[in-house]
Amino acid sequence: MQPPELSVVLLCYRAGDAARIATREVCELLDRENIDYEIILVANYDSADDPTPAIVADIAAHNPRVRFSAVQKLGMMGWDVRSGLSLARGTAIAFIDGDGQMPYEDIVRVYRALIEKKADMAKTYRTSRGDHAWRIIVSYLYNILFKILFPRVRAHDINSKPKIFTRRAYERLHLQADDWFIDAEMMIQAGRYGFSILEIPTIFKKLEGRRSFVKSQTMLEFLRNLAIYRLREFTVRHE
């Protein structure tokens, strides 16, 4: 079976009926752009009363371009990302949150740039954010610290999405993060392997309808993981 041109992994943790809206918007966008695609909905659950697994199964039952992962969670965001990426069959592979904060139009913009420039990876960076002030400050400081520790990674905004890889580039990655560090792990490995990386400006919208899943302790997790990966990179370079 011929692989699709683009796989889009859409993260739908506890999204409920919002997963229907996100899927419809992404499908309409890619159909309009005449891109051969598949969508992988990730609705892994940690609560038996979460309706999202049944909702994404219903979406997939009525749309042959949609597949899904809806199993009991064994990790956090990183585990969800890895479970979705592992199902992707496309020549290029994208992932993006399904909460609408990142404009879905960016999938096309970033994908076109990836193809046009023949890059290994393409992503966005946020020029404006609808977050609360504390998240903006934390993100700003985090990106500065990341650049100090990993100067080989040429990127403005480590956590911004969508991130899109060529199949060849994705298969070089050895992702292990189970938590929110998955974006940083991707960028660190992209720097290690010398990927050509494109960044395109975007606007990060205000989160509507629910609270963010990013908690204050997330920053401590980031700092711990940065230290671990900095030591790991030092070890790899001096072996």
Foldseek 3Di string as FASTA:
>chain_A
DDAFAEEEEEEQALVPCLLVVLVVVLVVLCVVVVGGYAYEYEHAYQDPPRCVVVVLVVVCVVDVRYHYHYHHDPFEDLSSVVVRVVPHRHQKYKYDYSQCQFPSNVVVVQVVVCVVVVFFKEFEDEPAAPDDPVVVVLQQVLQVVLCVLQVLQPDRGQQGDTMMGGPVSVVVADADDRYSCRSVSSSSVCSVVVTGYYYHYDHGYHGPDDDDPDDPCVSVVSVVVSVVVSVVVVVVVVD
